[in-house]
PDB file of all heavy atoms in Angstrom:
ATOM      1  N   VAL A   1      -6.176  -6.968   0.619  1.00  0.00           N
ATOM      2  CA  VAL A   1      -5.735  -5.911   1.595  1.00  0.00           C
ATOM      3  C   VAL A   1      -4.248  -5.480   1.244  1.00  0.00           C
ATOM      4  O   VAL A   1      -3.438  -6.238   1.033  1.00  0.00           O
ATOM      5  CB  VAL A   1      -5.657  -6.505   3.032  1.00  0.00           C
ATOM      6  CG1 VAL A   1      -5.007  -5.382   4.013  1.00  0.00           C
ATOM      7  CG2 VAL A   1      -6.997  -7.031   3.535  1.00  0.00           C
ATOM      8  N   ARG A   2      -4.233  -4.105   0.990  1.00  0.00           N
ATOM      9  CA  ARG A   2      -2.926  -3.516   0.497  1.00  0.00           C
ATOM     10  C   ARG A   2      -2.756  -2.324   1.352  1.00  0.00           C
ATOM     11  O   ARG A   2      -3.648  -1.532   1.824  1.00  0.00           O
ATOM     12  CB  ARG A   2      -3.053  -3.058  -0.895  1.00  0.00           C
ATOM     13  CG  ARG A   2      -3.226  -4.172  -1.897  1.00  0.00           C
ATOM     14  CD  ARG A   2      -3.209  -3.710  -3.278  1.00  0.00           C
ATOM     15  NE  ARG A   2      -3.331  -4.816  -4.361  1.00  0.00           N
ATOM     16  CZ  ARG A   2      -4.430  -5.139  -4.913  1.00  0.00           C
ATOM     17  NH1 ARG A   2      -5.741  -4.496  -4.508  1.00  0.00           N
ATOM     18  NH2 ARG A   2      -4.595  -6.117  -5.720  1.00  0.00           N
ATOM     19  N   PRO A   3      -1.479  -1.829   1.531  1.00  0.00           N
ATOM     20  CA  PRO A   3      -1.201  -0.492   2.109  1.00  0.00           C
ATOM     21  C   PRO A   3      -1.771   0.663   1.200  1.00  0.00           C
ATOM     22  O   PRO A   3      -1.866   0.520   0.000  1.00  0.00           O
ATOM     23  CB  PRO A   3       0.391  -0.387   2.039  1.00  0.00           C
ATOM     24  CG  PRO A   3       0.862  -1.743   1.772  1.00  0.00           C
ATOM     25  CD  PRO A   3      -0.236  -2.483   1.073  1.00  0.00           C
ATOM     26  N   LYS A   4      -2.193   1.638   1.861  1.00  0.00           N
ATOM     27  CA  LYS A   4      -2.838   2.688   1.134  1.00  0.00           C
ATOM     28  C   LYS A   4      -1.987   4.030   1.225  1.00  0.00           C
ATOM     29  O   LYS A   4      -2.299   5.109   0.515  1.00  0.00           O
ATOM     30  CB  LYS A   4      -4.295   3.044   1.641  1.00  0.00           C
ATOM     31  CG  LYS A   4      -5.182   1.888   1.237  1.00  0.00           C
ATOM     32  CD  LYS A   4      -6.601   2.209   1.706  1.00  0.00           C
ATOM     33  CE  LYS A   4      -7.579   1.064   1.351  1.00  0.00           C
ATOM     34  NZ  LYS A   4      -8.854   1.397   1.712  1.00  0.00           N
ATOM     35  N   THR A   5      -0.899   3.981   2.046  1.00  0.00           N
ATOM     36  CA  THR A   5      -0.021   5.134   2.135  1.00  0.00           C
ATOM     37  C   THR A   5       1.534   4.664   2.217  1.00  0.00           C
ATOM     38  O   THR A   5       1.642   3.392   2.550  1.00  0.00           O
ATOM     39  CB  THR A   5      -0.298   6.044   3.323  1.00  0.00           C
ATOM     40  OG1 THR A   5       0.051   5.204   4.570  1.00  0.00           O
ATOM     41  CG2 THR A   5      -1.824   6.376   3.513  1.00  0.00           C
ATOM     42  N   SER A   6       2.456   5.467   2.035  1.00  0.00           N
ATOM     43  CA  SER A   6       3.723   5.177   2.263  1.00  0.00           C
ATOM     44  C   SER A   6       4.090   4.702   3.590  1.00  0.00           C
ATOM     45  O   SER A   6       4.978   3.862   3.848  1.00  0.00           O
ATOM     46  CB  SER A   6       4.720   6.244   1.669  1.00  0.00           C
ATOM     47  OG  SER A   6       4.452   7.419   2.345  1.00  0.00           O
ATOM     48  N   GLY A   7       3.552   5.415   4.566  1.00  0.00           N
ATOM     49  CA  GLY A   7       3.607   4.959   5.996  1.00  0.00           C
ATOM     50  C   GLY A   7       3.261   3.520   6.284  1.00  0.00           C
ATOM     51  O   GLY A   7       3.871   2.810   6.977  1.00  0.00           O
ATOM     52  N   GLN A   8       2.072   3.254   5.722  1.00  0.00           N
ATOM     53  CA  GLN A   8       1.537   1.874   5.846  1.00  0.00           C
ATOM     54  C   GLN A   8       2.499   0.804   5.252  1.00  0.00           C
ATOM     55  O   GLN A   8       2.699  -0.237   5.676  1.00  0.00           O
ATOM     56  CB  GLN A   8       0.029   1.757   5.359  1.00  0.00           C
ATOM     57  CG  GLN A   8      -0.926   2.501   6.122  1.00  0.00           C
ATOM     58  CD  GLN A   8      -2.314   2.156   5.699  1.00  0.00           C
ATOM     59  OE1 GLN A   8      -2.569   1.571   4.699  1.00  0.00           O
ATOM     60  NE2 GLN A   8      -3.291   2.611   6.497  1.00  0.00           N
ATOM     61  N   LYS A   9       3.035   1.228   4.020  1.00  0.00           N
ATOM     62  CA  LYS A   9       4.005   0.387   3.485  1.00  0.00           C
ATOM     63  C   LYS A   9       5.209   0.104   4.239  1.00  0.00           C
ATOM     64  O   LYS A   9       5.679  -0.973   4.274  1.00  0.00           O
ATOM     65  CB  LYS A   9       4.373   0.985   2.076  1.00  0.00           C
ATOM     66  CG  LYS A   9       5.486   0.224   1.302  1.00  0.00           C
ATOM     67  CD  LYS A   9       5.023  -1.128   0.752  1.00  0.00           C
ATOM     68  CE  LYS A   9       5.910  -1.757  -0.399  1.00  0.00           C
ATOM     69  NZ  LYS A   9       7.363  -1.906  -0.082  1.00  0.00           N
ATOM     70  N   ARG A  10       5.624   1.104   4.903  1.00  0.00           N
ATOM     71  CA  ARG A  10       6.806   0.983   5.843  1.00  0.00           C
ATOM     72  C   ARG A  10       6.484   0.118   6.978  1.00  0.00           C
ATOM     73  O   ARG A  10       7.331  -0.712   7.410  1.00  0.00           O
ATOM     74  CB  ARG A  10       7.291   2.313   6.407  1.00  0.00           C
ATOM     75  CG  ARG A  10       8.124   3.248   5.468  1.00  0.00           C
ATOM     76  CD  ARG A  10       8.758   4.463   6.177  1.00  0.00           C
ATOM     77  NE  ARG A  10       7.718   5.446   6.511  1.00  0.00           N
ATOM     78  CZ  ARG A  10       7.261   5.683   7.640  1.00  0.00           C
ATOM     79  NH1 ARG A  10       7.746   4.920   8.714  1.00  0.00           N
ATOM     80  NH2 ARG A  10       6.335   6.551   8.019  1.00  0.00           N
ATOM     81  N   TYR A  11       5.301   0.161   7.431  1.00  0.00           N
ATOM     82  CA  TYR A  11       4.761  -0.634   8.657  1.00  0.00           C
ATOM     83  C   TYR A  11       4.766  -2.035   8.266  1.00  0.00           C
ATOM     84  O   TYR A  11       5.279  -2.983   8.931  1.00  0.00           O
ATOM     85  CB  TYR A  11       3.426  -0.033   8.979  1.00  0.00           C
ATOM     86  CG  TYR A  11       2.667  -0.810  10.111  1.00  0.00           C
ATOM     87  CD1 TYR A  11       3.262  -1.124  11.163  1.00  0.00           C
ATOM     88  CD2 TYR A  11       1.297  -1.115   9.913  1.00  0.00           C
ATOM     89  CE1 TYR A  11       2.583  -1.918  12.233  1.00  0.00           C
ATOM     90  CE2 TYR A  11       0.602  -1.736  10.956  1.00  0.00           C
ATOM     91  CZ  TYR A  11       1.216  -2.074  12.049  1.00  0.00           C
ATOM     92  OH  TYR A  11       0.589  -2.684  13.068  1.00  0.00           O
ATOM     93  N   VAL A  12       4.159  -2.323   7.049  1.00  0.00           N
ATOM     94  CA  VAL A  12       4.172  -3.709   6.518  1.00  0.00           C
ATOM     95  C   VAL A  12       5.478  -4.341   6.279  1.00  0.00           C
ATOM     96  O   VAL A  12       5.729  -5.400   6.629  1.00  0.00           O
ATOM     97  CB  VAL A  12       3.301  -3.691   5.169  1.00  0.00           C
ATOM     98  CG1 VAL A  12       3.406  -5.068   4.547  1.00  0.00           C
ATOM     99  CG2 VAL A  12       1.795  -3.464   5.461  1.00  0.00           C
ATOM    100  N   ASP A  13       6.474  -3.570   5.742  1.00  0.00           N
ATOM    101  CA  ASP A  13       7.757  -4.096   5.519  1.00  0.00           C
ATOM    102  C   ASP A  13       8.422  -4.298   6.794  1.00  0.00           C
ATOM    103  O   ASP A  13       9.240  -5.237   6.975  1.00  0.00           O
ATOM    104  CB  ASP A  13       8.551  -3.004   4.698  1.00  0.00           C
ATOM    105  CG  ASP A  13       8.112  -2.859   3.234  1.00  0.00           C
ATOM    106  OD1 ASP A  13       7.387  -3.822   2.730  1.00  0.00           O
ATOM    107  OD2 ASP A  13       8.446  -1.937   2.516  1.00  0.00           O
ATOM    108  N   ALA A  14       8.296  -3.399   7.867  1.00  0.00           N
ATOM    109  CA  ALA A  14       8.889  -3.668   9.036  1.00  0.00           C
ATOM    110  C   ALA A  14       8.335  -4.945   9.738  1.00  0.00           C
ATOM    111  O   ALA A  14       9.233  -5.664  10.389  1.00  0.00           O
ATOM    112  CB  ALA A  14       8.485  -2.453  10.126  1.00  0.00           C
ATOM    113  N   VAL A  15       7.065  -5.158   9.673  1.00  0.00           N
ATOM    114  CA  VAL A  15       6.614  -6.475  10.268  1.00  0.00           C
ATOM    115  C   VAL A  15       7.166  -7.654   9.692  1.00  0.00           C
ATOM    116  O   VAL A  15       7.495  -8.727  10.138  1.00  0.00           O
ATOM    117  CB  VAL A  15       5.021  -6.506  10.118  1.00  0.00           C
ATOM    118  CG1 VAL A  15       4.493  -7.922  10.707  1.00  0.00           C
ATOM    119  CG2 VAL A  15       4.380  -5.334  11.036  1.00  0.00           C
ATOM    120  N   ALA A  16       7.455  -7.526   8.239  1.00  0.00           N
ATOM    121  CA  ALA A  16       7.968  -8.658   7.461  1.00  0.00           C
ATOM    122  C   ALA A  16       9.416  -8.954   7.867  1.00  0.00           C
ATOM    123  O   ALA A  16       9.892 -10.123   7.864  1.00  0.00           O
ATOM    124  CB  ALA A  16       7.894  -8.378   5.960  1.00  0.00           C
ATOM    125  N   THR A  17      10.188  -7.926   8.284  1.00  0.00           N
ATOM    126  CA  THR A  17      11.550  -8.177   8.510  1.00  0.00           C
ATOM    127  C   THR A  17      11.997  -8.110   9.965  1.00  0.00           C
ATOM    128  O   THR A  17      13.149  -8.414  10.167  1.00  0.00           O
ATOM    129  CB  THR A  17      12.434  -6.960   7.779  1.00  0.00           C
ATOM    130  OG1 THR A  17      11.923  -5.625   8.196  1.00  0.00           O
ATOM    131  CG2 THR A  17      12.123  -7.071   6.211  1.00  0.00           C
ATOM    132  N   ASN A  18      11.087  -7.976  10.924  1.00  0.00           N
ATOM    133  CA  ASN A  18      11.418  -7.886  12.339  1.00  0.00           C
ATOM    134  C   ASN A  18      10.689  -8.964  13.099  1.00  0.00           C
ATOM    135  O   ASN A  18       9.577  -9.435  12.638  1.00  0.00           O
ATOM    136  CB  ASN A  18      11.184  -6.470  12.771  1.00  0.00           C
ATOM    137  CG  ASN A  18      12.170  -5.470  12.361  1.00  0.00           C
ATOM    138  OD1 ASN A  18      13.247  -5.380  12.823  1.00  0.00           O
ATOM    139  ND2 ASN A  18      11.818  -4.713  11.354  1.00  0.00           N
ATOM    140  N   ILE A  19      11.145  -9.268  14.255  1.00  0.00           N
ATOM    141  CA  ILE A  19      10.457 -10.136  15.192  1.00  0.00           C
ATOM    142  C   ILE A  19       9.378  -9.377  15.969  1.00  0.00           C
ATOM    143  O   ILE A  19       8.272  -9.886  16.212  1.00  0.00           O
ATOM    144  CB  ILE A  19      11.491 -10.773  16.121  1.00  0.00           C
ATOM    145  CG1 ILE A  19      12.405 -11.704  15.313  1.00  0.00           C
ATOM    146  CG2 ILE A  19      10.718 -11.737  17.198  1.00  0.00           C
ATOM    147  CD1 ILE A  19      13.554 -12.237  16.119  1.00  0.00           C
ATOM    148  N   VAL A  20       9.730  -8.134  16.407  1.00  0.00           N
ATOM    149  CA  VAL A  20       8.807  -7.366  17.207  1.00  0.00           C
ATOM    150  C   VAL A  20       8.627  -6.013  16.516  1.00  0.00           C
ATOM    151  O   VAL A  20       9.686  -5.314  16.224  1.00  0.00           O
ATOM    152  CB  VAL A  20       9.296  -7.126  18.684  1.00  0.00           C
ATOM    153  CG1 VAL A  20       8.273  -6.358  19.503  1.00  0.00           C
ATOM    154  CG2 VAL A  20       9.489  -8.492  19.348  1.00  0.00           C
ATOM    155  N   THR A  21       7.501  -5.675  16.238  1.00  0.00           N
ATOM    156  CA  THR A  21       7.274  -4.357  15.491  1.00  0.00           C
ATOM    157  C   THR A  21       6.233  -3.491  16.301  1.00  0.00           C
ATOM    158  O   THR A  21       5.188  -4.078  16.630  1.00  0.00           O
ATOM    159  CB  THR A  21       6.781  -4.569  13.985  1.00  0.00           C
ATOM    160  OG1 THR A  21       7.606  -5.349  13.325  1.00  0.00           O
ATOM    161  CG2 THR A  21       6.516  -3.233  13.309  1.00  0.00           C
ATOM    162  N   PHE A  22       6.513  -2.266  16.592  1.00  0.00           N
ATOM    163  CA  PHE A  22       5.672  -1.378  17.125  1.00  0.00           C
ATOM    164  C   PHE A  22       5.012  -0.421  16.130  1.00  0.00           C
ATOM    165  O   PHE A  22       5.762   0.266  15.368  1.00  0.00           O
ATOM    166  CB  PHE A  22       6.336  -0.514  18.365  1.00  0.00           C
ATOM    167  CG  PHE A  22       6.669  -1.318  19.466  1.00  0.00           C
ATOM    168  CD1 PHE A  22       7.895  -2.094  19.416  1.00  0.00           C
ATOM    169  CD2 PHE A  22       5.905  -1.361  20.640  1.00  0.00           C
ATOM    170  CE1 PHE A  22       8.190  -2.754  20.549  1.00  0.00           C
ATOM    171  CE2 PHE A  22       6.256  -2.124  21.754  1.00  0.00           C
ATOM    172  CZ  PHE A  22       7.479  -2.835  21.651  1.00  0.00           C
ATOM    173  N   GLY A  23       3.691  -0.463  15.970  1.00  0.00           N
ATOM    174  CA  GLY A  23       3.019   0.512  15.047  1.00  0.00           C
ATOM    175  C   GLY A  23       2.344   1.548  15.908  1.00  0.00           C
ATOM    176  O   GLY A  23       1.287   1.263  16.589  1.00  0.00           O
ATOM    177  N   ILE A  24       2.801   2.819  15.862  1.00  0.00           N
ATOM    178  CA  ILE A  24       2.232   3.879  16.872  1.00  0.00           C
ATOM    179  C   ILE A  24       1.857   4.973  15.906  1.00  0.00           C
ATOM    180  O   ILE A  24       2.369   5.444  15.010  1.00  0.00           O
ATOM    181  CB  ILE A  24       3.465   4.369  17.616  1.00  0.00           C
ATOM    182  CG1 ILE A  24       3.957   3.238  18.438  1.00  0.00           C
ATOM    183  CG2 ILE A  24       2.854   5.541  18.619  1.00  0.00           C
ATOM    184  CD1 ILE A  24       5.323   3.619  19.328  1.00  0.00           C
ATOM    185  N   GLY A  25       0.452   5.416  16.203  1.00  0.00           N
ATOM    186  CA  GLY A  25      -0.127   6.380  15.394  1.00  0.00           C
ATOM    187  C   GLY A  25      -1.615   6.596  15.775  1.00  0.00           C
ATOM    188  O   GLY A  25      -2.256   5.868  16.507  1.00  0.00           O
ATOM    189  N   PRO A  26      -2.245   7.625  15.188  1.00  0.00           N
ATOM    190  CA  PRO A  26      -3.586   7.976  15.523  1.00  0.00           C
ATOM    191  C   PRO A  26      -4.635   7.109  14.952  1.00  0.00           C
ATOM    192  O   PRO A  26      -4.356   6.171  14.178  1.00  0.00           O
ATOM    193  CB  PRO A  26      -3.749   9.402  14.917  1.00  0.00           C
ATOM    194  CG  PRO A  26      -2.822   9.457  13.823  1.00  0.00           C
ATOM    195  CD  PRO A  26      -1.579   8.596  14.217  1.00  0.00           C
ATOM    196  N   ALA A  27      -5.871   7.287  15.333  1.00  0.00           N
ATOM    197  CA  ALA A  27      -6.930   6.443  14.904  1.00  0.00           C
ATOM    198  C   ALA A  27      -7.037   6.656  13.354  1.00  0.00           C
ATOM    199  O   ALA A  27      -6.805   7.667  12.799  1.00  0.00           O
ATOM    200  CB  ALA A  27      -8.269   6.888  15.471  1.00  0.00           C
ATOM    201  N   GLY A  28      -7.412   5.456  12.681  1.00  0.00           N
ATOM    202  CA  GLY A  28      -7.651   5.415  11.283  1.00  0.00           C
ATOM    203  C   GLY A  28      -6.455   5.229  10.489  1.00  0.00           C
ATOM    204  O   GLY A  28      -6.530   5.240   9.219  1.00  0.00           O
ATOM    205  N   THR A  29      -5.261   4.974  10.986  1.00  0.00           N
ATOM    206  CA  THR A  29      -4.125   4.715  10.211  1.00  0.00           C
ATOM    207  C   THR A  29      -3.865   3.194   9.791  1.00  0.00           C
ATOM    208  O   THR A  29      -2.799   2.863   9.246  1.00  0.00           O
ATOM    209  CB  THR A  29      -2.923   5.216  10.988  1.00  0.00           C
ATOM    210  OG1 THR A  29      -2.801   4.627  12.277  1.00  0.00           O
ATOM    211  CG2 THR A  29      -2.876   6.744  11.066  1.00  0.00           C
ATOM    212  N   GLY A  30      -4.755   2.345  10.190  1.00  0.00           N
ATOM    213  CA  GLY A  30      -4.690   1.009   9.760  1.00  0.00           C
ATOM    214  C   GLY A  30      -3.785   0.114  10.638  1.00  0.00           C
ATOM    215  O   GLY A  30      -3.409  -1.055  10.129  1.00  0.00           O
ATOM    216  N   LYS A  31      -3.353   0.540  11.846  1.00  0.00           N
ATOM    217  CA  LYS A  31      -2.458  -0.321  12.568  1.00  0.00           C
ATOM    218  C   LYS A  31      -2.909  -1.628  12.840  1.00  0.00           C
ATOM    219  O   LYS A  31      -2.240  -2.587  12.667  1.00  0.00           O
ATOM    220  CB  LYS A  31      -2.092   0.512  13.933  1.00  0.00           C
ATOM    221  CG  LYS A  31      -1.808   1.998  13.890  1.00  0.00           C
ATOM    222  CD  LYS A  31      -1.535   2.589  15.182  1.00  0.00           C
ATOM    223  CE  LYS A  31      -2.786   2.680  16.109  1.00  0.00           C
ATOM    224  NZ  LYS A  31      -3.921   3.462  15.584  1.00  0.00           N
TER     225      LYS A  31
END
C-alpha cells in the first residue's frame, strides 16, 4: 500500500507526525 497522489502523501505524513489527524475529502481519495 503506497500513496498514489501528493495529497495522499501529505495525509500519510500527517498521520505519522501527529496524534490526531483529520482526513477530509470526497469519495475515492483513499482516506
